[in-house]
Structure formats: structure tokens, C-alpha cells
Amino acid sequence: MSEKLAIEKGTAEGFLALYNQHFSTDFQIVEMSDAPDARCVDSMGNTLNLEITTTEDRPGDIKALLGRSSSRSLEALRAHLDRVARGNELPQFSSLSDEVSDNLVERCT
């Protein structure tokens, strides 16, 4: 199984566990594919298709999430806070701005 497929399958399984608990349903993955990423069916025959994506609040976040960059490491974040404290940089916020939804729309189109 490719890394991409393993990430998508794990994400779909985690999502379904929460979704099923919250909505008292029993959806299960019946197929992993390219579009949608996960095809799910419940015991009543209802379908739920999932498209899995990773968003970036800032360029490079996905690489850092996958362990391919140290841009979000504790050391990098401390260095950023030092630059902010000196007035050399503005604070960076994650998942708090319209940029996040803009990035999501861009990735899905």
C-alpha cells in the first residue's frame, strides 16, 4: 500500500469512527479509490463518499506533517518567537484566518 493510500485510509477510518459515534451510524469503508478516496456504506445501504485532503496554513506545513521538513519543529518555532519578540517578524497563526479556507478551495479545484 502506498504512503498516500495508507494516510487516506487511516484518515477515513478515524473520521468514520467519530462520525458513526456522533450520528449513531455504522458506515464502513468498502472501497479505496482515487475519486472519491473512500467509498463507504452502512448497514441500511446508504452511501457516504469521502475525499481526503491535507491543508496547509502556510507553505511547507504538509512536508512538516509528514516529517520531511523541520520548518514546524520546536527549534524552528522558538526561533520564530525570538524574531517576533525582537520585532523582526509578525506572529504566524494557524487555522484562524480566511487563508485556510482559501487554501482548501484551491486544493480541491
C-alpha atoms as a PDB file:
ATOM      1  CA  MET A   1       0.000   0.000   0.000  1.00  0.00           C
ATOM      2  CA  SER A   2       1.417   3.400  -0.952  1.00  0.00           C
ATOM      3  CA  GLU A   3       2.062   6.032   1.696  1.00  0.00           C
ATOM      4  CA  LYS A   4      -0.660   8.243   0.196  1.00  0.00           C
ATOM      5  CA  LEU A   5      -3.230   5.437   0.295  1.00  0.00           C
ATOM      6  CA  ALA A   6      -2.247   4.466   3.838  1.00  0.00           C
ATOM      7  CA  ILE A   7      -2.684   8.082   5.004  1.00  0.00           C
ATOM      8  CA  GLU A   8      -6.058   8.398   3.261  1.00  0.00           C
ATOM      9  CA  LYS A   9      -7.299   5.054   4.626  1.00  0.00           C
ATOM     10  CA  GLY A  10      -6.196   5.874   8.172  1.00  0.00           C
ATOM     11  CA  THR A  11      -7.793   9.305   7.957  1.00  0.00           C
ATOM     12  CA  ALA A  12     -11.052   7.852   6.620  1.00  0.00           C
ATOM     13  CA  GLU A  13     -11.126   5.191   9.352  1.00  0.00           C
ATOM     14  CA  GLY A  14     -10.545   7.801  12.048  1.00  0.00           C
ATOM     15  CA  PHE A  15     -13.205  10.076  10.603  1.00  0.00           C
ATOM     16  CA  LEU A  16     -15.740   7.243  10.358  1.00  0.00           C
ATOM     17  CA  ALA A  17     -15.169   6.238  13.978  1.00  0.00           C
ATOM     18  CA  LEU A  18     -16.097   9.751  15.105  1.00  0.00           C
ATOM     19  CA  TYR A  19     -18.868  10.191  12.521  1.00  0.00           C
ATOM     20  CA  ASN A  20     -20.512   6.864  13.389  1.00  0.00           C
ATOM     21  CA  GLN A  21     -20.359   7.586  17.101  1.00  0.00           C
ATOM     22  CA  HIS A  22     -21.764  11.101  16.707  1.00  0.00           C
ATOM     23  CA  PHE A  23     -24.588  10.182  14.317  1.00  0.00           C
ATOM     24  CA  SER A  24     -25.263   6.628  15.595  1.00  0.00           C
ATOM     25  CA  THR A  25     -24.465   5.144  12.190  1.00  0.00           C
ATOM     26  CA  ASP A  26     -22.320   2.189  11.136  1.00  0.00           C
ATOM     27  CA  PHE A  27     -20.577   3.259   7.932  1.00  0.00           C
ATOM     28  CA  GLN A  28     -17.653   1.117   6.830  1.00  0.00           C
ATOM     29  CA  ILE A  29     -15.164   1.559   4.019  1.00  0.00           C
ATOM     30  CA  VAL A  30     -15.986  -0.716   1.101  1.00  0.00           C
ATOM     31  CA  GLU A  31     -13.500   0.671  -1.407  1.00  0.00           C
ATOM     32  CA  MET A  32     -10.493   2.968  -1.558  1.00  0.00           C
ATOM     33  CA  SER A  33     -10.048   4.717  -4.920  1.00  0.00           C
ATOM     34  CA  ASP A  34      -8.880   7.985  -6.475  1.00  0.00           C
ATOM     35  CA  ALA A  35     -12.203   9.786  -6.572  1.00  0.00           C
ATOM     36  CA  PRO A  36     -13.719   9.601  -4.087  1.00  0.00           C
ATOM     37  CA  ASP A  37     -10.878   8.425  -1.895  1.00  0.00           C
ATOM     38  CA  ALA A  38     -13.133   6.274   0.292  1.00  0.00           C
ATOM     39  CA  ARG A  39     -16.478   4.769  -0.612  1.00  0.00           C
ATOM     40  CA  CYS A  40     -18.452   3.865   2.486  1.00  0.00           C
ATOM     41  CA  VAL A  41     -21.736   2.032   3.063  1.00  0.00           C
ATOM     42  CA  ASP A  42     -23.823   1.499   6.191  1.00  0.00           C
ATOM     43  CA  SER A  43     -25.996  -1.487   7.118  1.00  0.00           C
ATOM     44  CA  MET A  44     -29.036   0.224   5.562  1.00  0.00           C
ATOM     45  CA  GLY A  45     -27.297   0.562   2.184  1.00  0.00           C
ATOM     46  CA  ASN A  46     -26.726   4.310   2.486  1.00  0.00           C
ATOM     47  CA  THR A  47     -23.539   5.559   0.865  1.00  0.00           C
ATOM     48  CA  LEU A  48     -21.025   8.097   2.089  1.00  0.00           C
ATOM     49  CA  ASN A  49     -18.141   9.123  -0.142  1.00  0.00           C
ATOM     50  CA  LEU A  50     -15.083  10.764   1.412  1.00  0.00           C
ATOM     51  CA  GLU A  51     -12.432  12.870  -0.275  1.00  0.00           C
ATOM     52  CA  ILE A  52      -9.369  13.195   1.939  1.00  0.00           C
ATOM     53  CA  THR A  53      -7.076  16.201   1.701  1.00  0.00           C
ATOM     54  CA  THR A  54      -4.412  17.841   3.788  1.00  0.00           C
ATOM     55  CA  THR A  55      -4.425  21.603   4.008  1.00  0.00           C
ATOM     56  CA  GLU A  56      -1.584  23.996   4.634  1.00  0.00           C
ATOM     57  CA  ASP A  57      -1.998  27.065   6.757  1.00  0.00           C
ATOM     58  CA  ARG A  58       1.447  28.038   5.479  1.00  0.00           C
ATOM     59  CA  PRO A  59       3.544  26.678   2.626  1.00  0.00           C
ATOM     60  CA  GLY A  60       5.573  23.706   3.824  1.00  0.00           C
ATOM     61  CA  ASP A  61       3.121  22.530   6.514  1.00  0.00           C
ATOM     62  CA  ILE A  62       2.364  19.253   4.711  1.00  0.00           C
ATOM     63  CA  LYS A  63       6.066  18.429   4.380  1.00  0.00           C
ATOM     64  CA  ALA A  64       6.485  19.104   8.102  1.00  0.00           C
ATOM     65  CA  LEU A  65       3.428  16.982   8.942  1.00  0.00           C
ATOM     66  CA  LEU A  66       4.934  14.062   7.017  1.00  0.00           C
ATOM     67  CA  GLY A  67       8.312  14.505   8.715  1.00  0.00           C
ATOM     68  CA  ARG A  68      10.055  15.774   5.590  1.00  0.00           C
ATOM     69  CA  SER A  69      10.833  19.245   6.898  1.00  0.00           C
ATOM     70  CA  SER A  70      11.814  20.756  10.219  1.00  0.00           C
ATOM     71  CA  SER A  71      10.026  24.042   9.480  1.00  0.00           C
ATOM     72  CA  ARG A  72       7.494  23.362  12.265  1.00  0.00           C
ATOM     73  CA  SER A  73       9.927  21.832  14.741  1.00  0.00           C
ATOM     74  CA  LEU A  74      10.187  23.137  18.281  1.00  0.00           C
ATOM     75  CA  GLU A  75      13.511  24.772  17.408  1.00  0.00           C
ATOM     76  CA  ALA A  76      12.042  26.494  14.337  1.00  0.00           C
ATOM     77  CA  LEU A  77       9.044  27.736  16.335  1.00  0.00           C
ATOM     78  CA  ARG A  78      11.300  29.065  19.114  1.00  0.00           C
ATOM     79  CA  ALA A  79      13.433  30.893  16.554  1.00  0.00           C
ATOM     80  CA  HIS A  80      10.272  32.407  15.074  1.00  0.00           C
ATOM     81  CA  LEU A  81       9.114  33.560  18.533  1.00  0.00           C
ATOM     82  CA  ASP A  82      12.519  35.168  19.125  1.00  0.00           C
ATOM     83  CA  ARG A  83      12.236  37.066  15.824  1.00  0.00           C
ATOM     84  CA  VAL A  84       8.697  38.176  16.769  1.00  0.00           C
ATOM     85  CA  ALA A  85       9.884  39.338  20.202  1.00  0.00           C
ATOM     86  CA  ARG A  86      12.624  41.411  18.536  1.00  0.00           C
ATOM     87  CA  GLY A  87      10.073  42.917  16.141  1.00  0.00           C
ATOM     88  CA  ASN A  88      11.683  41.323  13.086  1.00  0.00           C
ATOM     89  CA  GLU A  89       8.665  39.199  12.155  1.00  0.00           C
ATOM     90  CA  LEU A  90       4.913  39.159  12.612  1.00  0.00           C
ATOM     91  CA  PRO A  91       3.293  36.296  14.543  1.00  0.00           C
ATOM     92  CA  GLN A  92       2.069  33.398  12.422  1.00  0.00           C
ATOM     93  CA  PHE A  93      -1.326  31.951  13.154  1.00  0.00           C
ATOM     94  CA  SER A  94      -2.642  28.551  12.131  1.00  0.00           C
ATOM     95  CA  SER A  95      -6.237  27.752  11.173  1.00  0.00           C
ATOM     96  CA  LEU A  96      -7.508  31.132  12.294  1.00  0.00           C
ATOM     97  CA  SER A  97      -7.833  33.041   9.057  1.00  0.00           C
ATOM     98  CA  ASP A  98      -9.702  33.071   5.774  1.00  0.00           C
ATOM     99  CA  GLU A  99      -6.475  31.849   4.141  1.00  0.00           C
ATOM    100  CA  VAL A 100      -7.167  28.346   5.438  1.00  0.00           C
ATOM    101  CA  SER A 101     -10.488  28.042   3.618  1.00  0.00           C
ATOM    102  CA  ASP A 102      -8.976  29.696   0.538  1.00  0.00           C
ATOM    103  CA  ASN A 103      -6.187  27.097   0.570  1.00  0.00           C
ATOM    104  CA  LEU A 104      -8.722  24.277   0.881  1.00  0.00           C
ATOM    105  CA  VAL A 105     -10.789  25.569  -2.047  1.00  0.00           C
ATOM    106  CA  GLU A 106      -7.635  25.924  -4.142  1.00  0.00           C
ATOM    107  CA  ARG A 107      -6.555  22.323  -3.402  1.00  0.00           C
ATOM    108  CA  CYS A 108      -9.983  20.912  -4.267  1.00  0.00           C
ATOM    109  CA  THR A 109     -10.364  22.673  -7.609  1.00  0.00           C
END
